[in-house]
Amino acid sequence: MKTFIYQYCSRRGVYDRWLLLFWLLVALPLAVVGQQNPAGTGTPGLRADYYRSYFYDDQSFFTKNTPAVSGQIVNNLDFAEGLTDNFGVGPVATYYQPGNPDEFSARFRGLLYVATAGTYTFYLGSDDAGYLWLDNSSQPLISNIDDKYSFREGTAKIALTAGFHTLRVHYGEHGGSQGLILSYSGPDMPRQVIPNGVLYADYQPTIQPVLTRFDAIARNDEVDLVWETMTEQNSQEFVVERSTDGCKTFQDLLQQPGAGTSTSAITYQAVDDHPAIGVNCYRLRQVRTDHEAVYSPVKSVTIRPVPYTLSIYPIPNDGTFYLRIEPAVRQTAHMLIIDITGRPVYWADLEMNGITEHRISPNLPVGLYVMRMTTTHGTLTQKLVLGK
């Protein structure tokens, strides 16, 4: 190769020689690197630096001192208050009691991606001191000052544009228990711990967000779920999780394959056709072959009961009648017929699924009955006359 370059450059002009050398020494290596490591997705979570000793609310502590552990990745700031080493600082801390770390400080840094512009409320709970900065501001957004208090929480509201925002948290543990939790709430988002799906432990200008949109939209008795990605890396599948107990516990609802590795915008759509009456919380779990699970922010929607009506015809009839239910939302209705003594004499489950009219043949004697129809929206009771 060297002989070829020398002979080629000897025969060509100075400009061509420099062009060839640039291509061989700069452009080609960059192209190869780009093929091996597609630009874009970054590392989910935040980058953590752990320091020996407590910083006593002196912010210069983190620049004047060298961290004992540098660049450790954490998914999010969800360290519940306790007397155990939930931070995983190990020998960085001092242990006055076995398993209970004291006398350490931490700095957490990264990027927060905001999909929807609007006003957000941030909550920083800490024991002991904790500070939150956004967008490289000279003043902290939240300041939990001093070590004289147990676990407490500071809050602040701020208007954020869509896109990336720098995020930094300083924390210190001086004695007793320790804990640090960073949460937020915002447009169509209940309060929640900030998930690793919108946190990036990178400052590179080439970083592109993975998830740029996740919406849960109530439509009659269904919920449309839409999410968009700008980039994906080793993306195996997306799992939609749902909670019906106030966003406390989530269960898998449905899955869709991921795009593998992609640098193109992709839109995904799904439908929850049997949401619960009341509040339904949804989140995405991205399954990656090269990383532990990555979670989206939680979105919540409220499904309210829709009043419905029953119509029975013809009257009179020969014992067979038609039942009309409106609106015929997608669900199972339970029908119960009771005689005049209060004894159930006929029952059936009616799969509505958009069908409004049902033919009923209960094979009952002529007489007066009561019908009870139960759906997810409640129970209706109506008089029923069989026979002429």
Protein backbone atom coordinates (compact mmCIF):
# COMPACT_ATOMS: atom_id res chain seq x y z
CA MET A 1 0.00 0.00 0.00
CA LYS A 2 2.83 2.43 0.85
CA THR A 3 4.52 1.71 -2.53
CA PHE A 4 1.23 2.33 -4.33
CA ILE A 5 0.69 5.66 -2.56
CA TYR A 6 4.25 6.79 -3.35
CA GLN A 7 4.01 5.87 -7.04
CA TYR A 8 0.55 7.47 -7.38
CA CYS A 9 1.59 10.70 -5.67
CA SER A 10 4.71 10.90 -7.82
CA ARG A 11 2.64 10.88 -10.98
CA ARG A 12 -0.11 13.25 -9.86
CA GLY A 13 -0.20 16.92 -8.95
CA VAL A 14 0.05 18.32 -5.46
CA TYR A 15 -3.75 18.79 -5.11
CA ASP A 16 -4.48 15.20 -6.13
CA ARG A 17 -1.81 13.92 -3.77
CA TRP A 18 -3.35 15.70 -0.80
CA LEU A 19 -6.84 14.55 -1.83
CA LEU A 20 -5.75 10.92 -1.91
CA LEU A 21 -3.92 11.17 1.39
CA PHE A 22 -6.97 12.80 3.03
CA TRP A 23 -9.24 10.03 1.77
CA LEU A 24 -6.92 7.24 2.93
CA LEU A 25 -5.93 8.71 6.29
CA VAL A 26 -9.09 10.57 7.38
CA ALA A 27 -12.25 9.91 5.39
CA LEU A 28 -11.92 6.15 5.05
CA PRO A 29 -11.21 5.50 8.76
CA LEU A 30 -14.16 7.70 9.75
CA ALA A 31 -16.43 5.86 7.34
CA VAL A 32 -15.39 2.51 8.80
CA VAL A 33 -15.97 3.72 12.35
CA GLY A 34 -19.38 5.05 11.34
CA GLN A 35 -20.34 1.64 9.98
CA GLN A 36 -19.20 -0.15 13.11
CA ASN A 37 -20.84 2.30 15.57
CA PRO A 38 -23.98 3.90 14.13
CA ALA A 39 -24.33 7.40 15.56
CA GLY A 40 -27.26 8.23 17.65
CA THR A 41 -28.82 6.53 20.59
CA GLY A 42 -26.39 7.28 23.39
CA THR A 43 -26.46 5.59 26.78
CA PRO A 44 -29.70 5.50 28.81
CA GLY A 45 -29.44 6.92 32.33
CA LEU A 46 -27.09 9.35 34.03
CA ARG A 47 -23.35 9.41 34.66
CA ALA A 48 -22.42 9.28 38.35
CA ASP A 49 -19.23 10.39 40.10
CA TYR A 50 -18.78 9.38 43.76
CA TYR A 51 -16.52 11.28 46.17
CA ARG A 52 -15.16 10.53 49.60
CA SER A 53 -16.45 12.80 52.42
CA TYR A 54 -19.43 15.15 52.66
CA PHE A 55 -19.42 18.37 50.60
CA TYR A 56 -21.06 20.67 53.21
CA ASP A 57 -23.10 22.53 50.54
CA ASP A 58 -19.89 23.78 48.88
CA GLN A 59 -20.55 23.28 45.15
CA SER A 60 -16.89 23.84 44.26
CA PHE A 61 -16.16 20.59 46.12
CA PHE A 62 -17.05 18.65 42.97
CA THR A 63 -14.51 20.46 40.80
CA LYS A 64 -11.72 20.83 43.34
CA ASN A 65 -11.70 17.14 44.26
CA THR A 66 -11.14 13.99 42.23
CA PRO A 67 -13.94 11.42 42.40
CA ALA A 68 -13.10 8.01 43.84
CA VAL A 69 -15.48 6.46 41.29
CA SER A 70 -15.96 8.24 37.98
CA GLY A 71 -18.46 7.82 35.15
CA GLN A 72 -20.57 5.04 36.66
CA ILE A 73 -23.94 4.70 34.85
CA VAL A 74 -27.17 4.74 36.87
CA ASN A 75 -30.60 4.25 35.31
CA ASN A 76 -32.25 7.07 37.26
CA LEU A 77 -32.27 8.73 40.65
CA ASP A 78 -34.53 6.38 42.57
CA PHE A 79 -32.59 5.63 45.75
CA ALA A 80 -35.18 5.10 48.45
CA GLU A 81 -34.37 6.35 51.95
CA GLY A 82 -32.73 3.62 54.00
CA LEU A 83 -29.74 2.45 56.00
CA THR A 84 -28.29 0.22 53.30
CA ASP A 85 -25.88 0.87 50.44
CA ASN A 86 -28.56 1.37 47.78
CA PHE A 87 -26.21 3.76 45.94
CA GLY A 88 -23.61 1.03 45.56
CA VAL A 89 -20.75 3.31 46.68
CA GLY A 90 -18.91 0.52 48.50
CA PRO A 91 -15.52 1.57 49.92
CA VAL A 92 -16.02 5.21 48.85
CA ALA A 93 -18.07 5.76 52.03
CA THR A 94 -17.26 5.55 55.72
CA TYR A 95 -19.15 2.86 57.64
CA TYR A 96 -19.94 3.69 61.25
CA GLN A 97 -22.39 0.78 61.15
CA PRO A 98 -22.05 -2.33 58.96
CA GLY A 99 -23.79 -1.89 55.61
CA ASN A 100 -24.74 1.74 56.29
CA PRO A 101 -22.59 4.13 54.20
CA ASP A 102 -21.89 7.65 55.46
CA GLU A 103 -19.57 10.51 54.54
CA PHE A 104 -19.80 10.48 50.76
CA SER A 105 -20.97 12.84 48.02
CA ALA A 106 -22.16 12.30 44.46
CA ARG A 107 -22.54 14.21 41.22
CA PHE A 108 -25.00 13.00 38.58
CA ARG A 109 -24.94 14.46 35.06
CA GLY A 110 -26.57 13.90 31.71
CA LEU A 111 -29.28 15.04 29.34
CA LEU A 112 -33.04 15.07 29.83
CA TYR A 113 -35.16 14.74 26.69
CA VAL A 114 -38.52 16.53 26.72
CA ALA A 115 -40.96 15.34 24.06
CA THR A 116 -43.71 17.89 24.71
CA ALA A 117 -43.09 21.55 25.46
CA GLY A 118 -44.90 22.85 28.52
CA THR A 119 -44.68 23.47 32.25
CA TYR A 120 -43.08 20.70 34.30
CA THR A 121 -42.89 20.25 38.05
CA PHE A 122 -39.72 18.70 39.47
CA TYR A 123 -39.48 17.01 42.86
CA LEU A 124 -36.12 16.33 44.50
CA GLY A 125 -36.20 14.31 47.69
CA SER A 126 -32.96 13.85 49.59
CA ASP A 127 -31.36 12.84 52.88
CA ASP A 128 -29.03 14.74 53.34
CA ALA A 129 -28.33 17.68 50.97
CA GLY A 130 -29.44 17.66 47.34
CA TYR A 131 -29.36 20.23 44.51
CA LEU A 132 -30.84 20.17 40.99
CA TRP A 133 -29.71 22.25 37.99
CA LEU A 134 -31.23 22.37 34.50
CA ASP A 135 -29.82 23.90 31.30
CA ASN A 136 -26.48 24.84 32.91
CA SER A 137 -28.16 27.53 35.01
CA SER A 138 -25.94 29.34 37.47
CA GLN A 139 -28.59 28.88 40.17
CA PRO A 140 -30.06 25.52 41.20
CA LEU A 141 -33.70 24.89 40.44
CA ILE A 142 -34.13 23.03 43.76
CA SER A 143 -31.94 23.31 46.86
CA ASN A 144 -32.26 20.91 49.79
CA ILE A 145 -29.70 22.64 51.99
CA ASP A 146 -27.84 21.25 54.97
CA ASP A 147 -27.68 17.90 56.76
CA LYS A 148 -29.81 18.75 59.79
CA TYR A 149 -33.02 17.30 58.39
CA SER A 150 -34.32 13.85 57.59
CA PHE A 151 -35.55 12.98 54.11
CA ARG A 152 -37.34 16.01 52.66
CA GLU A 153 -38.51 17.11 49.25
CA GLY A 154 -38.08 20.33 47.32
CA THR A 155 -40.30 21.23 44.36
CA ALA A 156 -40.11 23.73 41.52
CA LYS A 157 -41.98 24.48 38.29
CA ILE A 158 -40.29 25.40 35.04
CA ALA A 159 -41.34 25.87 31.41
CA LEU A 160 -39.32 23.60 29.11
CA THR A 161 -39.07 23.51 25.34
CA ALA A 162 -39.15 20.24 23.43
CA GLY A 163 -35.70 18.72 23.03
CA PHE A 164 -32.61 18.09 25.15
CA HIS A 165 -31.86 19.85 28.45
CA THR A 166 -28.74 19.42 30.55
CA LEU A 167 -29.39 17.98 34.00
CA ARG A 168 -27.08 17.92 37.03
CA VAL A 169 -27.67 16.81 40.63
CA HIS A 170 -25.30 17.20 43.58
CA TYR A 171 -25.90 14.99 46.60
CA GLY A 172 -24.22 14.44 49.95
CA GLU A 173 -24.65 11.94 52.77
CA HIS A 174 -23.31 12.98 56.18
CA GLY A 175 -24.81 10.52 58.67
CA GLY A 176 -27.77 8.31 59.46
CA SER A 177 -29.96 7.18 56.58
CA GLN A 178 -29.49 8.16 52.94
CA GLY A 179 -31.78 8.61 49.96
CA LEU A 180 -32.22 10.53 46.72
CA ILE A 181 -35.27 10.54 44.41
CA LEU A 182 -35.80 12.77 41.36
CA SER A 183 -39.35 12.87 39.99
CA TYR A 184 -41.35 15.06 37.65
CA SER A 185 -44.82 15.63 36.24
CA GLY A 186 -45.92 17.45 33.13
CA PRO A 187 -48.39 17.63 30.25
CA ASP A 188 -50.50 14.44 30.30
CA MET A 189 -47.97 12.92 32.69
CA PRO A 190 -48.68 11.97 36.31
CA ARG A 191 -45.93 12.39 38.86
CA GLN A 192 -43.26 9.73 38.42
CA VAL A 193 -39.58 8.99 38.89
CA ILE A 194 -37.82 10.27 35.77
CA PRO A 195 -37.25 7.07 33.75
CA ASN A 196 -34.05 6.06 31.99
CA GLY A 197 -35.81 6.27 28.62
CA VAL A 198 -35.57 10.09 28.63
CA LEU A 199 -32.19 10.33 30.38
CA TYR A 200 -28.93 10.20 28.43
CA ALA A 201 -25.52 9.84 30.06
CA ASP A 202 -23.86 11.65 27.13
CA TYR A 203 -23.01 15.19 26.10
CA GLN A 204 -22.14 14.38 22.50
CA PRO A 205 -23.71 16.73 19.91
CA THR A 206 -24.46 13.72 17.68
CA ILE A 207 -26.82 12.14 20.19
CA GLN A 208 -30.33 11.65 18.84
CA PRO A 209 -33.26 10.77 21.11
CA VAL A 210 -34.69 7.29 20.85
CA LEU A 211 -38.27 7.97 21.96
CA THR A 212 -39.63 11.29 20.70
CA ARG A 213 -43.32 10.70 21.37
CA PHE A 214 -45.56 8.49 23.48
CA ASP A 215 -49.26 9.26 23.68
CA ALA A 216 -52.22 7.46 25.22
CA ILE A 217 -55.49 8.86 23.85
CA ALA A 218 -58.94 7.81 25.04
CA ARG A 219 -61.37 7.12 22.18
CA ASN A 220 -64.83 6.03 23.37
CA ASP A 221 -64.11 2.84 25.32
CA GLU A 222 -60.69 2.24 23.80
CA VAL A 223 -57.26 3.81 24.18
CA ASP A 224 -55.06 4.56 21.18
CA LEU A 225 -51.36 4.16 21.91
CA VAL A 226 -48.90 5.90 19.61
CA TRP A 227 -45.14 6.22 19.96
CA GLU A 228 -42.36 7.40 17.70
CA THR A 229 -38.62 6.80 17.67
CA MET A 230 -35.93 8.80 15.93
CA THR A 231 -33.20 6.20 16.35
CA GLU A 232 -33.04 2.64 17.63
CA GLN A 233 -30.08 0.46 18.45
CA ASN A 234 -30.33 -3.30 19.00
CA SER A 235 -34.04 -2.77 19.60
CA GLN A 236 -35.73 -6.15 19.96
CA GLU A 237 -39.28 -5.19 20.93
CA PHE A 238 -41.52 -2.68 22.66
CA VAL A 239 -43.81 -3.91 25.43
CA VAL A 240 -46.79 -1.76 26.43
CA GLU A 241 -47.43 -2.04 30.16
CA ARG A 242 -50.65 -0.97 31.87
CA SER A 243 -51.57 -0.14 35.46
CA THR A 244 -55.09 0.22 36.84
CA ASP A 245 -54.14 0.84 40.49
CA GLY A 246 -52.97 4.43 40.25
CA CYS A 247 -49.72 3.80 38.35
CA LYS A 248 -48.32 1.61 41.15
CA THR A 249 -48.00 -1.83 39.58
CA PHE A 250 -47.75 -2.52 35.85
CA GLN A 251 -48.54 -5.61 33.82
CA ASP A 252 -47.67 -6.45 30.21
CA LEU A 253 -50.51 -5.59 27.84
CA LEU A 254 -49.12 -6.13 24.32
CA GLN A 255 -45.88 -6.32 22.35
CA GLN A 256 -44.59 -5.03 19.03
CA PRO A 257 -41.25 -5.87 17.36
CA GLY A 258 -38.59 -3.17 17.42
CA ALA A 259 -36.65 -1.99 14.39
CA GLY A 260 -33.30 -3.50 15.37
CA THR A 261 -30.84 -0.73 14.55
CA SER A 262 -32.30 2.22 12.67
CA THR A 263 -31.57 5.91 12.12
CA SER A 264 -34.96 6.65 10.52
CA ALA A 265 -38.05 7.97 12.26
CA ILE A 266 -40.56 5.17 12.95
CA THR A 267 -44.15 5.43 14.20
CA TYR A 268 -45.77 2.59 16.16
CA GLN A 269 -49.47 2.20 16.89
CA ALA A 270 -51.50 -0.08 19.14
CA VAL A 271 -54.93 -0.17 20.78
CA ASP A 272 -56.06 -1.14 24.26
CA ASP A 273 -59.59 -2.29 23.46
CA HIS A 274 -60.49 -3.21 27.05
CA PRO A 275 -59.30 -0.41 29.34
CA ALA A 276 -60.66 -0.26 32.87
CA ILE A 277 -63.21 2.30 33.94
CA GLY A 278 -61.28 5.02 35.73
CA VAL A 279 -57.58 5.85 35.46
CA ASN A 280 -55.39 3.74 33.18
CA CYS A 281 -51.61 4.28 33.23
CA TYR A 282 -49.39 3.20 30.35
CA ARG A 283 -45.65 2.99 29.80
CA LEU A 284 -43.31 1.44 27.25
CA ARG A 285 -40.57 -1.05 28.00
CA GLN A 286 -37.99 -1.22 25.24
CA VAL A 287 -36.20 -4.56 25.18
CA ARG A 288 -32.66 -4.23 23.80
CA THR A 289 -30.19 -7.01 23.14
CA ASP A 290 -27.27 -4.86 24.37
CA HIS A 291 -28.82 -3.18 27.41
CA GLU A 292 -31.21 -3.76 30.26
CA ALA A 293 -34.81 -2.59 29.87
CA VAL A 294 -35.37 1.06 28.94
CA TYR A 295 -38.62 2.68 30.11
CA SER A 296 -40.67 5.56 28.76
CA PRO A 297 -42.47 8.16 30.85
CA VAL A 298 -45.86 7.09 32.18
CA LYS A 299 -48.96 8.49 30.47
CA SER A 300 -52.42 8.30 32.01
CA VAL A 301 -55.96 8.53 30.64
CA THR A 302 -59.33 8.38 32.36
CA ILE A 303 -62.15 6.23 30.96
CA ARG A 304 -65.51 7.49 32.11
CA PRO A 305 -68.75 5.47 32.02
CA VAL A 306 -70.90 6.16 28.97
CA PRO A 307 -74.66 6.17 29.61
CA TYR A 308 -76.45 3.54 27.54
CA THR A 309 -80.06 2.61 26.81
CA LEU A 310 -82.01 -0.62 26.35
CA SER A 311 -84.88 -1.13 23.93
CA ILE A 312 -87.03 -4.29 23.88
CA TYR A 313 -89.32 -5.09 20.95
CA PRO A 314 -91.74 -6.19 19.67
CA ILE A 315 -94.35 -5.84 22.37
CA PRO A 316 -96.42 -7.99 22.40
CA ASN A 317 -94.31 -10.94 21.21
CA ASP A 318 -94.38 -14.72 20.99
CA GLY A 319 -91.71 -15.26 23.65
CA THR A 320 -88.83 -14.27 21.39
CA PHE A 321 -87.80 -10.63 21.38
CA TYR A 322 -85.04 -8.32 20.21
CA LEU A 323 -82.81 -6.38 22.53
CA ARG A 324 -81.14 -3.18 21.35
CA ILE A 325 -78.23 -1.71 23.32
CA GLU A 326 -76.87 1.73 22.53
CA PRO A 327 -74.09 2.65 22.35
CA ALA A 328 -72.76 -0.83 21.55
CA VAL A 329 -69.23 -0.36 22.84
CA ARG A 330 -66.80 -3.29 22.65
CA GLN A 331 -67.44 -5.36 25.77
CA THR A 332 -69.38 -8.28 27.21
CA ALA A 333 -72.83 -7.53 28.68
CA HIS A 334 -74.40 -9.88 31.22
CA MET A 335 -78.18 -10.27 30.91
CA LEU A 336 -80.31 -11.67 33.74
CA ILE A 337 -84.09 -12.29 33.62
CA ILE A 338 -85.94 -12.55 36.96
CA ASP A 339 -89.52 -13.74 37.49
CA ILE A 340 -92.06 -11.99 39.72
CA THR A 341 -90.91 -14.00 42.76
CA GLY A 342 -87.37 -12.64 42.40
CA ARG A 343 -85.95 -15.94 41.11
CA PRO A 344 -83.38 -15.80 38.27
CA VAL A 345 -84.80 -17.86 35.39
CA TYR A 346 -82.55 -16.99 32.44
CA TRP A 347 -79.14 -15.46 31.91
CA ALA A 348 -76.71 -15.00 29.07
CA ASP A 349 -73.52 -13.14 28.17
CA LEU A 350 -73.84 -10.95 25.09
CA GLU A 351 -70.69 -10.12 23.14
CA MET A 352 -71.46 -6.64 21.93
CA ASN A 353 -68.41 -5.81 19.74
CA GLY A 354 -70.24 -3.08 17.88
CA ILE A 355 -73.45 -5.14 17.46
CA THR A 356 -76.45 -3.20 18.71
CA GLU A 357 -79.26 -5.74 18.15
CA HIS A 358 -79.52 -9.18 19.77
CA ARG A 359 -82.22 -11.84 19.26
CA ILE A 360 -83.23 -13.41 22.60
CA SER A 361 -85.22 -16.69 22.92
CA PRO A 362 -85.39 -17.51 26.65
CA ASN A 363 -88.12 -20.21 26.26
CA LEU A 364 -90.02 -18.93 29.28
CA PRO A 365 -93.76 -18.99 30.11
CA VAL A 366 -95.92 -16.03 29.23
CA GLY A 367 -95.77 -13.43 31.94
CA LEU A 368 -94.15 -10.39 33.46
CA TYR A 369 -90.42 -10.40 34.20
CA VAL A 370 -87.59 -8.03 35.12
CA MET A 371 -84.42 -7.78 33.02
CA ARG A 372 -81.10 -6.65 34.46
CA MET A 373 -78.30 -5.75 32.06
CA THR A 374 -74.81 -5.29 33.49
CA THR A 375 -71.88 -3.80 31.59
CA THR A 376 -68.69 -2.04 32.58
CA HIS A 377 -70.80 1.12 32.79
CA GLY A 378 -73.16 -0.22 35.43
CA THR A 379 -76.50 -2.06 35.65
CA LEU A 380 -79.82 -1.16 34.07
CA THR A 381 -83.12 -2.71 35.16
CA GLN A 382 -86.15 -2.84 32.89
CA LYS A 383 -89.59 -4.49 32.84
CA LEU A 384 -89.99 -7.35 30.32
CA VAL A 385 -93.30 -8.73 29.04
CA LEU A 386 -93.26 -12.13 27.31
CA GLY A 387 -96.18 -13.37 25.26
CA LYS A 388 -99.31 -11.71 23.87
